[in-house]
């Protein structure tokens, strides 16, 4: 898919594959590699473009027509830490 990018997300004790529609909405989606971000992972897996996605990346702005930004922790935190 020209729109989807397959991410390998480190949740601390395991990895998950997440497909995110970020290829066209970001100038350089590869710049996200190694960054921490929030993911929704309590969703049932979903097949997209023939691949299984096990979560959803949380970003802000795209739905309002703004340049999207990631929702990120303000300081480094253990991978897999839960919100709430």
Protein backbone atom coordinates (compact mmCIF):
# COMPACT_ATOMS: atom_id res chain seq x y z
CA UNK A 1 0.00 0.00 0.00
CA UNK A 2 1.22 3.50 -0.80
CA UNK A 3 -0.41 4.83 2.37
CA UNK A 4 0.37 2.18 5.01
CA UNK A 5 3.68 1.68 6.75
CA UNK A 6 4.35 -1.49 8.75
CA UNK A 7 5.77 -0.73 12.19
CA UNK A 8 7.37 -3.18 14.59
CA UNK A 9 6.36 -1.84 18.01
CA UNK A 10 8.38 -2.77 21.11
CA UNK A 11 5.96 -3.20 24.01
CA UNK A 12 8.66 -4.19 26.47
CA UNK A 13 7.98 -7.90 26.78
CA UNK A 14 6.95 -8.49 23.16
CA UNK A 15 6.76 -6.93 19.70
CA UNK A 16 3.60 -6.15 17.73
CA UNK A 17 3.07 -5.36 14.08
CA UNK A 18 1.06 -2.20 13.54
CA UNK A 19 0.07 -0.82 10.16
CA UNK A 20 -0.17 2.96 10.20
CA UNK A 21 -1.39 5.24 7.40
CA UNK A 22 1.55 7.61 7.70
CA UNK A 23 3.41 7.36 4.39
CA UNK A 24 1.51 10.21 2.74
CA UNK A 25 0.80 12.36 5.78
CA UNK A 26 4.42 12.79 6.87
CA UNK A 27 7.37 14.18 4.94
CA UNK A 28 9.73 11.51 6.32
CA UNK A 29 7.96 8.63 8.08
CA UNK A 30 11.36 6.95 8.67
CA UNK A 31 12.15 9.79 11.11
CA UNK A 32 9.79 8.07 13.57
CA UNK A 33 12.10 5.05 13.92
CA UNK A 34 13.33 4.75 17.52
CA UNK A 35 10.86 7.29 18.92
CA UNK A 36 8.47 6.44 21.69
CA UNK A 37 4.79 7.02 20.98
CA UNK A 38 1.37 6.03 22.24
CA UNK A 39 -0.39 3.05 20.68
CA UNK A 40 -3.83 1.57 21.19
CA UNK A 41 -3.25 -2.17 21.57
CA UNK A 42 -6.47 -3.46 23.13
CA UNK A 43 -8.17 -3.71 19.73
CA UNK A 44 -8.78 -6.99 17.92
CA UNK A 45 -6.21 -7.63 15.17
CA UNK A 46 -7.34 -6.31 11.79
CA UNK A 47 -6.29 -7.31 8.30
CA UNK A 48 -5.29 -4.33 6.17
CA UNK A 49 -3.79 -4.52 2.67
CA UNK A 50 -3.27 -8.25 3.18
CA UNK A 51 -1.30 -7.79 6.44
CA UNK A 52 -2.38 -8.15 10.06
CA UNK A 53 -2.29 -5.01 12.22
CA UNK A 54 -2.24 -5.59 15.99
CA UNK A 55 -2.90 -2.04 17.15
CA UNK A 56 -3.20 1.60 16.17
CA UNK A 57 -0.70 4.45 16.40
CA UNK A 58 -2.12 7.48 18.21
CA UNK A 59 -1.46 10.82 16.54
CA UNK A 60 -3.11 14.20 16.81
CA UNK A 61 -4.27 16.64 14.15
CA UNK A 62 -4.84 14.58 11.00
CA UNK A 63 -8.62 14.28 11.51
CA UNK A 64 -8.81 18.09 11.75
CA UNK A 65 -6.79 18.68 8.57
CA UNK A 66 -3.68 19.70 10.51
CA UNK A 67 -0.19 18.32 10.04
CA UNK A 68 -0.23 15.28 12.33
CA UNK A 69 2.01 14.97 15.36
CA UNK A 70 2.60 11.93 17.53
CA UNK A 71 1.24 11.72 21.04
CA UNK A 72 4.45 11.06 22.95
CA UNK A 73 5.50 10.78 26.60
CA UNK A 74 7.16 13.95 27.94
CA UNK A 75 10.13 11.90 29.18
CA UNK A 76 11.53 8.48 28.33
CA UNK A 77 9.48 5.70 29.91
CA UNK A 78 9.75 1.92 29.78
CA UNK A 79 8.46 0.49 26.51
CA UNK A 80 5.04 -1.04 27.04
CA UNK A 81 4.05 1.26 29.93
CA UNK A 82 0.29 1.73 29.95
CA UNK A 83 -1.60 5.03 29.90
CA UNK A 84 -4.01 5.84 32.68
